[in-house]
Structure formats: C-alpha cells, structure tokens
Amino acid sequence: MNWITDFVKPKLNVFSKRGEIPENLWIKCDACENMIFHRMLAENLNVCTHCGHHMQFGVDNYLQLLFDEGLYQNIPIPEVPIDPLKFKDSKKYVDRIKQYRHQTKRADAVSMGTGLIGSNQAVVFVMDFTFMGGSMGMAVGASFVAAVEQAIRFNAPFIVIARSGGARMQEAVLSLMQMPRTVAAIELLRSHKLPYLVILTSPTFGGVTASFAMLGDMHIAEPGALIGFTGRRVIEQTIRQKLPDDFQTAEYQQAHGMVDLIVPRKELKATLSKILGIVKQ
C-alpha cells in the first residue's frame, strides 16, 4: 500500500479538482522578474507590486475601470471589407483575421463605449494589442470616426487609450489612409469645441503615434510606457549612435514636452474625472 497514492492524493482531490486550478498561479514581472500571485496582481490592476511596472491590461478592464460603476454602452465596430487586397504572406490575411477574432472574441483591434466618468458623459476608444498588435487598419479607422460621431452626438469629450504597433501592413496603403482619416475626424471634433484626451500606454508606435495619438488636447501616459515612431534598435542602426537608456519612455517624452502628465493606472479614473469636471465648466 502506497500511503501518498492511496490516502493523501484522494484527500487533496476532494478540495481541488483538476481544471479548477489556474495554469499560472504566479506571474513573473517583465521588469524586475519578481513573482507575483495572480490574484494580487489582478487586484493591483496588473501593476507589479514590487517595482510598479505597468503590465498589459485588458480592453474591457480599461472600460470597466474608467466608467462609473463599470457601466457603459458599447459602440459597435462598423463593418468594413475584410481582405480588400487579397493579401497573403505565410498565411492568408482573411485567415489571420478569423484566428484573432476567435482568440480575442473581438471584431478588430478596438473597443468603444460611452457612459459616465465622474458623472461626466464621455466616449472612450480603447485599442487592443492582443489583436494583431493593435495595428491600425480600415476597421480601426472607421471605428475612430464612429466614436468621434458619437462624441459629437452626445456633446461629450472623446478619450483614446492608445496601444499599437502602428499601421497594419496587410492592408498596405489602405492602412496608411487611416492616418489622415483620423486626423480629419479630430478636426471635426474640434470644430464642435469638444475636448480630446489621449492616454498613451505601452507600446504606442508607428502610424498611430504619427497620427491621432499625438494630436490630443492633453496627453496622459502610464509610467514607463514606451512611446515612439520606430524601434530603438532601428534608430541606433540608422544614426549610428547610442541612445539614452530611458529613450522613448513616458518619462523621457514628458521631459521633452511630448507628454503632459504621467498617471499611475490606479489614479487614472480620478485624474480623468477631475479633468472632465474642469473642461465642463
């Protein structure tokens, strides 16, 4: 008779069934490499309890965090042609879209909602990095315009949470056309004298940075967020110089006038509520 197999294991199985235990009880911080209990990390809004590093935070989590009591009305993503260029690399583009839609349960790399933030009506546009790196294609551009139209309809401030690798290469020039399209939408918003706030999270790069992410009336960044146009290594190879260690971080961008405020995730809603209360007056 094996005491562990015949007695201990059956007793343990009574308290915990296989499948009910999370695969990753502990998560390692990308910055300090300390291990964090998954529940503690979730309670701290995916911010490392050891070093304060801001890890990836879900799109739905941002919407629930910002809106009062986590309640908001979803704004649907407009329908656009899925694969107008019939693009194919190692896989058909249409198959990639289907794969990411299945994985994320989202139509594309964005989610939008309208509701109250500190009792102030607002429209929020959040980019999803888990959907093809948050890349901007026709769906993201059309969604941006739709969100701006909702802000105008409600006479409400427009808030963007940016997180993207840039333009979506599978849509080529159609993706690049979303840059002036989003800029035109911002001009329409300004013609109605509505505030446009941008929250920069890590990473925010490429055509998104070169268009709507840097045209806000106010730019707020999460601590340590990487913000730029192209990657550090590419720049160093091009100019053949070593860049500062903190190059492209939110702190570096603030020191050089590109970011107005650096706000920890836990203080984001309170900060936005205060700003919206001021611009409402």
Protein backbone atom coordinates (compact mmCIF):
# COMPACT_ATOMS: atom_id res chain seq x y z
CA MET A 1 0.00 0.00 0.00
CA ASN A 2 1.36 3.42 -1.03
CA TRP A 3 0.29 5.94 1.62
CA ILE A 4 0.66 9.02 -0.65
CA THR A 5 -1.16 7.47 -3.63
CA ASP A 6 -3.92 5.71 -1.67
CA PHE A 7 -4.62 8.23 1.08
CA VAL A 8 -3.12 11.72 0.55
CA LYS A 9 -3.93 12.16 -3.13
CA PRO A 10 -7.65 11.25 -2.78
CA LYS A 11 -7.93 13.70 0.12
CA LEU A 12 -6.39 16.50 -1.95
CA ASN A 13 -8.70 15.76 -4.85
CA VAL A 14 -11.68 16.42 -2.59
CA PHE A 15 -10.57 20.04 -2.08
CA SER A 16 -9.36 20.80 -5.59
CA LYS A 17 -10.45 19.25 -8.85
CA ARG A 18 -8.16 19.35 -11.80
CA GLY A 19 -9.18 22.13 -14.15
CA GLU A 20 -10.28 24.45 -11.34
CA ILE A 21 -6.69 25.48 -10.59
CA PRO A 22 -5.39 28.34 -12.77
CA GLU A 23 -2.49 27.40 -15.05
CA ASN A 24 -0.39 30.34 -13.81
CA LEU A 25 -0.81 30.95 -10.09
CA TRP A 26 2.32 33.10 -10.16
CA ILE A 27 3.29 35.63 -12.82
CA LYS A 28 6.80 36.98 -13.35
CA CYS A 29 7.20 40.72 -13.78
CA ASP A 30 8.84 41.64 -17.09
CA ALA A 31 10.80 44.45 -15.43
CA CYS A 32 12.07 43.21 -12.05
CA GLU A 33 11.45 39.46 -12.64
CA ASN A 34 9.84 39.03 -9.24
CA MET A 35 7.00 36.52 -8.96
CA ILE A 36 3.54 37.90 -8.13
CA PHE A 37 0.50 35.91 -7.06
CA HIS A 38 -2.08 36.23 -9.85
CA ARG A 39 -4.90 37.41 -7.58
CA MET A 40 -2.72 40.07 -6.01
CA LEU A 41 -1.68 41.26 -9.47
CA ALA A 42 -5.30 41.45 -10.64
CA GLU A 43 -6.30 43.42 -7.53
CA ASN A 44 -3.45 45.83 -8.27
CA LEU A 45 -4.74 46.39 -11.85
CA ASN A 46 -1.85 44.41 -13.41
CA VAL A 47 0.75 46.69 -11.86
CA CYS A 48 3.75 44.95 -10.29
CA THR A 49 3.56 45.13 -6.50
CA HIS A 50 7.37 45.12 -6.27
CA CYS A 51 8.55 47.71 -8.81
CA GLY A 52 5.37 49.38 -10.09
CA HIS A 53 5.84 48.16 -13.67
CA HIS A 54 2.58 48.51 -15.62
CA MET A 55 1.83 45.24 -17.40
CA GLN A 56 -0.68 44.68 -20.18
CA PHE A 57 -4.25 45.49 -19.13
CA GLY A 58 -7.29 44.20 -21.00
CA VAL A 59 -9.53 46.40 -23.14
CA ASP A 60 -12.64 45.52 -21.15
CA ASN A 61 -10.69 46.13 -17.94
CA TYR A 62 -9.92 49.69 -19.02
CA LEU A 63 -13.55 50.39 -19.85
CA GLN A 64 -14.76 48.99 -16.53
CA LEU A 65 -12.04 50.89 -14.67
CA LEU A 66 -12.87 54.28 -16.19
CA PHE A 67 -16.66 54.31 -16.33
CA ASP A 68 -18.67 54.88 -13.15
CA GLU A 69 -19.53 51.52 -11.57
CA GLY A 70 -18.03 49.88 -14.66
CA LEU A 71 -21.21 50.57 -16.63
CA TYR A 72 -21.16 51.77 -20.23
CA GLN A 73 -22.96 51.39 -23.53
CA ASN A 74 -20.96 49.56 -26.17
CA ILE A 75 -20.45 51.26 -29.55
CA PRO A 76 -20.36 48.65 -32.34
CA ILE A 77 -17.44 48.49 -34.79
CA PRO A 78 -18.53 49.46 -38.33
CA GLU A 79 -18.37 46.73 -40.95
CA VAL A 80 -15.53 47.07 -43.47
CA PRO A 81 -14.17 44.77 -46.22
CA ILE A 82 -12.14 42.08 -44.50
CA ASP A 83 -9.46 41.48 -47.14
CA PRO A 84 -9.78 44.01 -49.98
CA LEU A 85 -6.24 43.43 -51.27
CA LYS A 86 -6.36 39.60 -51.07
CA PHE A 87 -3.12 39.79 -49.10
CA LYS A 88 -1.11 36.68 -48.30
CA ASP A 89 2.24 36.16 -46.60
CA SER A 90 2.85 32.93 -44.69
CA LYS A 91 -0.92 32.82 -44.21
CA LYS A 92 -3.91 34.44 -45.88
CA TYR A 93 -4.87 37.72 -44.24
CA VAL A 94 -8.51 36.68 -44.04
CA ASP A 95 -7.42 33.58 -42.10
CA ARG A 96 -5.39 35.72 -39.68
CA ILE A 97 -8.42 37.90 -39.04
CA LYS A 98 -10.56 34.83 -38.33
CA GLN A 99 -7.88 33.48 -35.98
CA TYR A 100 -7.63 36.70 -33.96
CA ARG A 101 -11.39 37.12 -33.85
CA HIS A 102 -11.65 33.63 -32.40
CA GLN A 103 -8.86 34.26 -29.86
CA THR A 104 -9.97 37.69 -28.66
CA LYS A 105 -13.75 37.40 -29.19
CA ARG A 106 -13.45 40.86 -30.79
CA ALA A 107 -14.17 42.03 -34.33
CA ASP A 108 -10.92 44.00 -34.58
CA ALA A 109 -8.23 45.79 -32.58
CA VAL A 110 -10.53 48.25 -30.85
CA SER A 111 -13.43 48.53 -28.44
CA MET A 112 -15.57 51.62 -27.77
CA GLY A 113 -18.04 52.67 -25.14
CA THR A 114 -19.96 55.66 -23.85
CA GLY A 115 -21.02 56.39 -20.29
CA LEU A 116 -20.23 58.48 -17.25
CA ILE A 117 -16.75 59.17 -15.86
CA GLY A 118 -17.07 61.01 -12.58
CA SER A 119 -20.66 61.85 -13.57
CA ASN A 120 -19.40 63.39 -16.82
CA GLN A 121 -20.57 61.92 -20.13
CA ALA A 122 -17.66 60.67 -22.25
CA VAL A 123 -16.85 58.45 -25.21
CA VAL A 124 -13.85 56.10 -24.81
CA PHE A 125 -11.92 54.41 -27.64
CA VAL A 126 -9.56 51.62 -26.49
CA MET A 127 -7.05 49.78 -28.67
CA ASP A 128 -6.46 46.05 -28.19
CA PHE A 129 -2.81 44.98 -28.53
CA THR A 130 -3.74 41.30 -28.39
CA PHE A 131 -5.47 41.69 -31.79
CA MET A 132 -2.61 41.76 -34.33
CA GLY A 133 -0.53 44.05 -32.15
CA GLY A 134 -3.28 46.67 -32.01
CA SER A 135 -2.43 47.51 -35.62
CA MET A 136 -4.49 50.17 -37.38
CA GLY A 137 -6.40 49.09 -40.46
CA MET A 138 -9.68 50.15 -42.03
CA ALA A 139 -11.73 48.78 -39.13
CA VAL A 140 -9.80 50.84 -36.59
CA GLY A 141 -10.06 53.96 -38.76
CA ALA A 142 -13.79 53.50 -39.31
CA SER A 143 -14.27 52.86 -35.59
CA PHE A 144 -12.37 56.04 -34.71
CA VAL A 145 -14.68 58.07 -36.95
CA ALA A 146 -17.76 56.34 -35.49
CA ALA A 147 -16.58 57.10 -31.93
CA VAL A 148 -15.99 60.77 -32.82
CA GLU A 149 -19.50 60.96 -34.29
CA GLN A 150 -20.90 59.56 -31.04
CA ALA A 151 -18.96 62.15 -29.04
CA ILE A 152 -20.44 64.90 -31.19
CA ARG A 153 -23.91 63.38 -30.84
CA PHE A 154 -23.66 63.33 -27.04
CA ASN A 155 -21.72 66.61 -26.92
CA ALA A 156 -19.16 64.71 -24.87
CA PRO A 157 -15.35 64.63 -24.51
CA PHE A 158 -13.55 61.98 -26.55
CA ILE A 159 -10.92 59.81 -24.82
CA VAL A 160 -8.49 57.48 -26.61
CA ILE A 161 -6.43 54.78 -24.91
CA ALA A 162 -3.65 54.09 -27.40
CA ARG A 163 -1.71 50.84 -27.59
CA SER A 164 -0.48 49.82 -31.00
CA GLY A 165 2.46 48.67 -33.09
CA GLY A 166 1.34 51.00 -35.88
CA ALA A 167 -0.30 50.61 -39.28
CA ARG A 168 -1.43 47.14 -40.41
CA MET A 169 0.89 46.02 -43.18
CA GLN A 170 -1.61 43.52 -44.61
CA GLU A 171 -3.78 46.46 -45.68
CA ALA A 172 -0.87 48.44 -47.16
CA VAL A 173 -1.89 51.88 -48.44
CA LEU A 174 -5.45 51.40 -47.15
CA SER A 175 -3.99 51.27 -43.66
CA LEU A 176 -1.89 54.40 -44.21
CA MET A 177 -5.01 56.23 -45.41
CA GLN A 178 -6.44 55.87 -41.89
CA MET A 179 -3.87 58.38 -40.65
CA PRO A 180 -5.35 61.41 -42.45
CA ARG A 181 -8.81 59.96 -41.91
CA THR A 182 -8.42 60.03 -38.12
CA VAL A 183 -6.81 63.48 -38.28
CA ALA A 184 -9.85 64.77 -40.20
CA ALA A 185 -12.14 63.26 -37.56
CA ILE A 186 -10.23 65.09 -34.83
CA GLU A 187 -10.64 68.38 -36.72
CA LEU A 188 -14.38 67.69 -36.89
CA LEU A 189 -14.39 67.10 -33.13
CA ARG A 190 -12.57 70.39 -32.56
CA SER A 191 -14.99 72.28 -34.78
CA HIS A 192 -17.61 71.32 -32.18
CA LYS A 193 -15.28 72.53 -29.39
CA LEU A 194 -15.15 69.12 -27.70
CA PRO A 195 -12.12 68.01 -25.62
CA TYR A 196 -9.88 65.26 -27.00
CA LEU A 197 -7.76 63.40 -24.42
CA VAL A 198 -5.17 60.72 -25.23
CA ILE A 199 -3.91 58.11 -22.77
CA LEU A 200 -0.65 56.59 -24.00
CA THR A 201 0.06 53.04 -22.85
CA SER A 202 2.88 50.67 -23.71
CA PRO A 203 3.62 50.28 -26.54
CA THR A 204 2.35 53.10 -28.78
CA PHE A 205 4.27 53.23 -32.06
CA GLY A 206 4.19 53.73 -35.80
CA GLY A 207 1.33 55.29 -37.73
CA VAL A 208 -0.81 55.58 -34.60
CA THR A 209 1.81 57.78 -32.92
CA ALA A 210 2.22 59.69 -36.20
CA SER A 211 -1.48 60.49 -36.35
CA PHE A 212 -4.23 60.59 -33.72
CA ALA A 213 -2.17 59.53 -30.68
CA MET A 214 -0.18 62.77 -30.68
CA LEU A 215 -2.95 65.24 -31.50
CA GLY A 216 -4.73 65.35 -28.17
CA ASP A 217 -5.58 68.48 -26.23
CA MET A 218 -3.85 66.68 -23.37
CA HIS A 219 -1.55 63.65 -23.39
CA ILE A 220 -1.53 61.36 -20.36
CA ALA A 221 0.84 58.38 -20.15
CA GLU A 222 1.15 55.40 -17.85
CA PRO A 223 4.50 55.17 -16.02
CA GLY A 224 7.24 53.60 -18.12
CA ALA A 225 5.12 53.40 -21.27
CA LEU A 226 7.14 53.11 -24.48
CA ILE A 227 6.07 55.75 -26.99
CA GLY A 228 7.65 56.47 -30.35
CA PHE A 229 7.53 56.03 -34.10
CA THR A 230 10.02 53.26 -34.77
CA GLY A 231 12.01 50.92 -32.56
CA ARG A 232 15.11 51.87 -30.62
CA ARG A 233 17.38 49.42 -32.45
CA VAL A 234 16.35 50.70 -35.89
CA ILE A 235 17.11 54.29 -34.85
CA GLU A 236 20.50 53.36 -33.38
CA GLN A 237 21.47 51.48 -36.54
CA THR A 238 20.37 54.43 -38.69
CA ILE A 239 22.11 57.26 -36.81
CA ARG A 240 24.96 55.00 -35.57
CA GLN A 241 24.72 56.40 -32.07
CA LYS A 242 23.83 55.02 -28.68
CA LEU A 243 20.51 56.38 -27.40
CA PRO A 244 19.79 57.26 -23.74
CA ASP A 245 18.66 54.34 -21.57
CA ASP A 246 15.28 55.94 -20.93
CA PHE A 247 14.73 56.89 -24.58
CA GLN A 248 11.07 56.62 -25.72
CA THR A 249 9.76 56.09 -22.18
CA ALA A 250 6.86 58.20 -20.91
CA GLU A 251 9.26 59.96 -18.54
CA TYR A 252 11.63 60.87 -21.39
CA GLN A 253 8.71 62.09 -23.51
CA GLN A 254 7.41 64.25 -20.66
CA ALA A 255 10.85 65.80 -20.14
CA HIS A 256 10.89 66.71 -23.85
CA GLY A 257 7.38 68.16 -23.98
CA MET A 258 5.52 65.31 -25.69
CA VAL A 259 3.55 64.15 -22.62
CA ASP A 260 1.66 66.39 -20.19
CA LEU A 261 1.01 64.02 -17.29
CA ILE A 262 2.25 60.63 -16.14
CA VAL A 263 -0.52 58.94 -14.17
CA PRO A 264 -0.41 55.51 -12.48
CA ARG A 265 -3.24 53.22 -13.55
CA LYS A 266 -4.86 53.32 -10.11
CA GLU A 267 -5.17 57.11 -10.34
CA LEU A 268 -6.34 57.21 -13.95
CA LYS A 269 -10.08 57.45 -13.33
CA ALA A 270 -9.74 60.09 -10.60
CA THR A 271 -7.46 62.16 -12.84
CA LEU A 272 -9.82 61.94 -15.81
CA SER A 273 -12.82 62.78 -13.64
CA LYS A 274 -11.04 65.90 -12.40
CA ILE A 275 -10.03 66.98 -15.92
CA LEU A 276 -13.52 66.38 -17.33
CA GLY A 277 -15.03 68.33 -14.45
CA ILE A 278 -12.77 71.28 -15.25
CA VAL A 279 -13.39 71.34 -19.03
CA LYS A 280 -17.14 71.02 -18.42
CA GLN A 281 -17.22 74.36 -16.60
